[in-house]
Amino acid sequence: MSNYSVKTEVFEGPFDLLLDLVSRQKLDINAISLTEITDNYIEHIEQMKENELVKFRGEKTSIPACSS
């Protein structure tokens, strides 16, 4: 998750840093839109799934056919 970044009106940066700031009370959790962060994270996960599928398809098509 460390490569996932968040961009909102009050914060822009790595998700891990956002969690750290909230947990140390350096950033008020009410100042950020959890809905926006959640929606963006779901999009990020979907994109990761799509990238893996494309990668898998590429690997699958690169296997040479065996002749008998």
Protein backbone atom coordinates (compact mmCIF):
# COMPACT_ATOMS: atom_id res chain seq x y z
CA MET A 1 0.00 0.00 0.00
CA SER A 2 2.99 2.29 0.37
CA ASN A 3 2.82 3.33 -3.30
CA TYR A 4 -0.79 4.48 -2.99
CA SER A 5 -1.10 8.28 -2.87
CA VAL A 6 -4.02 10.39 -1.73
CA LYS A 7 -5.02 13.77 -3.10
CA THR A 8 -7.70 15.80 -1.32
CA GLU A 9 -8.30 19.47 -0.61
CA VAL A 10 -6.38 19.29 2.69
CA PHE A 11 -3.79 16.56 2.03
CA GLU A 12 -1.71 15.24 -0.83
CA GLY A 13 0.81 12.46 -0.34
CA PRO A 14 1.32 8.81 0.54
CA PHE A 15 -1.57 7.02 2.24
CA ASP A 16 0.77 5.74 4.97
CA LEU A 17 1.68 9.34 5.84
CA LEU A 18 -2.00 10.30 5.99
CA LEU A 19 -2.66 7.47 8.44
CA ASP A 20 0.33 8.49 10.53
CA LEU A 21 -0.75 12.15 10.68
CA VAL A 22 -4.28 11.21 11.69
CA SER A 23 -3.09 8.74 14.32
CA ARG A 24 -0.74 11.34 15.85
CA GLN A 25 -3.58 13.90 15.69
CA LYS A 26 -1.60 16.20 13.41
CA LEU A 27 -4.51 16.11 10.96
CA ASP A 28 -8.17 16.17 11.93
CA ILE A 29 -9.89 13.14 10.42
CA ASN A 30 -13.04 15.25 9.98
CA ALA A 31 -11.11 17.55 7.62
CA ILE A 32 -10.72 14.83 5.01
CA SER A 33 -13.36 13.13 2.90
CA LEU A 34 -13.26 9.44 3.74
CA THR A 35 -15.72 8.78 0.92
CA GLU A 36 -13.36 10.39 -1.60
CA ILE A 37 -10.37 8.47 -0.27
CA THR A 38 -12.31 5.19 -0.30
CA ASP A 39 -13.55 5.75 -3.86
CA ASN A 40 -10.04 6.58 -5.05
CA TYR A 41 -8.62 3.51 -3.30
CA ILE A 42 -11.21 1.25 -4.93
CA GLU A 43 -10.28 2.73 -8.33
CA HIS A 44 -6.62 2.10 -7.50
CA ILE A 45 -7.33 -1.57 -6.66
CA GLU A 46 -9.38 -2.02 -9.85
CA GLN A 47 -6.51 -0.56 -11.89
CA MET A 48 -4.06 -2.92 -10.19
CA LYS A 49 -6.32 -5.87 -11.04
CA GLU A 50 -6.53 -4.74 -14.67
CA ASN A 51 -2.75 -4.36 -14.87
CA GLU A 52 -2.26 -7.87 -13.50
CA LEU A 53 -4.79 -9.27 -15.99
CA VAL A 54 -2.99 -7.58 -18.88
CA LYS A 55 0.34 -8.87 -17.55
CA PHE A 56 -1.08 -12.39 -17.22
CA ARG A 57 -2.51 -12.29 -20.75
CA GLY A 58 0.87 -11.15 -22.05
CA GLU A 59 2.66 -14.00 -20.30
CA LYS A 60 0.08 -16.51 -21.50
CA THR A 61 0.36 -15.47 -25.14
CA SER A 62 4.17 -15.59 -25.06
CA ILE A 63 4.22 -19.34 -24.36
CA PRO A 64 5.05 -21.16 -27.60
CA ALA A 65 2.70 -23.84 -28.81
CA CYS A 66 3.95 -27.42 -28.59
CA SER A 67 3.74 -29.55 -31.70
CA SER A 68 3.15 -33.27 -31.46
